[in-house]
Amino acid sequence: MNSDHQLAIACRIVFNRLSILNKVVISLCYKAQQLKN
């Protein structure tokens, strides 16, 4: 049960980091589109 809990925490941390990275990529793409226009 403890290992499952640790796995859930690890997945949540990874998901949060991916979410932040996703926002950064989206914002960079948005800025790139504005520069092209």
C-alpha atoms as a PDB file:
ATOM      1  CA  MET A   1       0.000   0.000   0.000  1.00  0.00           C
ATOM      2  CA  ASN A   2       2.895   2.333   0.764  1.00  0.00           C
ATOM      3  CA  SER A   3       4.487   1.727  -2.646  1.00  0.00           C
ATOM      4  CA  ASP A   4       1.184   2.511  -4.382  1.00  0.00           C
ATOM      5  CA  HIS A   5       0.984   5.772  -2.454  1.00  0.00           C
ATOM      6  CA  GLN A   6       4.550   6.699  -3.443  1.00  0.00           C
ATOM      7  CA  LEU A   7       3.754   5.853  -7.059  1.00  0.00           C
ATOM      8  CA  ALA A   8       0.690   8.099  -6.956  1.00  0.00           C
ATOM      9  CA  ILE A   9       2.782  10.964  -5.558  1.00  0.00           C
ATOM     10  CA  ALA A  10       5.464  10.422  -8.213  1.00  0.00           C
ATOM     11  CA  CYS A  11       2.845  10.415 -10.981  1.00  0.00           C
ATOM     12  CA  ARG A  12       1.340  13.626  -9.601  1.00  0.00           C
ATOM     13  CA  ILE A  13       4.750  15.344  -9.515  1.00  0.00           C
ATOM     14  CA  VAL A  14       5.528  14.240 -13.078  1.00  0.00           C
ATOM     15  CA  PHE A  15       2.076  15.348 -14.253  1.00  0.00           C
ATOM     16  CA  ASN A  16       2.515  18.769 -12.624  1.00  0.00           C
ATOM     17  CA  ARG A  17       5.914  19.235 -14.271  1.00  0.00           C
ATOM     18  CA  LEU A  18       4.528  18.175 -17.645  1.00  0.00           C
ATOM     19  CA  SER A  19       1.642  20.599 -17.176  1.00  0.00           C
ATOM     20  CA  ILE A  20       4.058  23.467 -16.467  1.00  0.00           C
ATOM     21  CA  LEU A  21       6.238  22.458 -19.434  1.00  0.00           C
ATOM     22  CA  ASN A  22       3.125  22.292 -21.629  1.00  0.00           C
ATOM     23  CA  LYS A  23       2.136  25.841 -20.633  1.00  0.00           C
ATOM     24  CA  VAL A  24       5.653  27.082 -21.404  1.00  0.00           C
ATOM     25  CA  VAL A  25       5.637  25.434 -24.847  1.00  0.00           C
ATOM     26  CA  ILE A  26       2.181  26.840 -25.631  1.00  0.00           C
ATOM     27  CA  SER A  27       3.244  30.353 -24.597  1.00  0.00           C
ATOM     28  CA  LEU A  28       6.433  30.105 -26.680  1.00  0.00           C
ATOM     29  CA  CYS A  29       4.461  28.937 -29.729  1.00  0.00           C
ATOM     30  CA  TYR A  30       2.001  31.795 -29.195  1.00  0.00           C
ATOM     31  CA  LYS A  31       4.851  34.336 -29.070  1.00  0.00           C
ATOM     32  CA  ALA A  32       6.422  32.806 -32.186  1.00  0.00           C
ATOM     33  CA  GLN A  33       3.133  33.161 -34.070  1.00  0.00           C
ATOM     34  CA  GLN A  34       2.850  36.804 -32.998  1.00  0.00           C
ATOM     35  CA  LEU A  35       6.394  37.493 -34.229  1.00  0.00           C
ATOM     36  CA  LYS A  36       5.612  35.931 -37.629  1.00  0.00           C
ATOM     37  CA  ASN A  37       2.506  38.094 -38.072  1.00  0.00           C
END
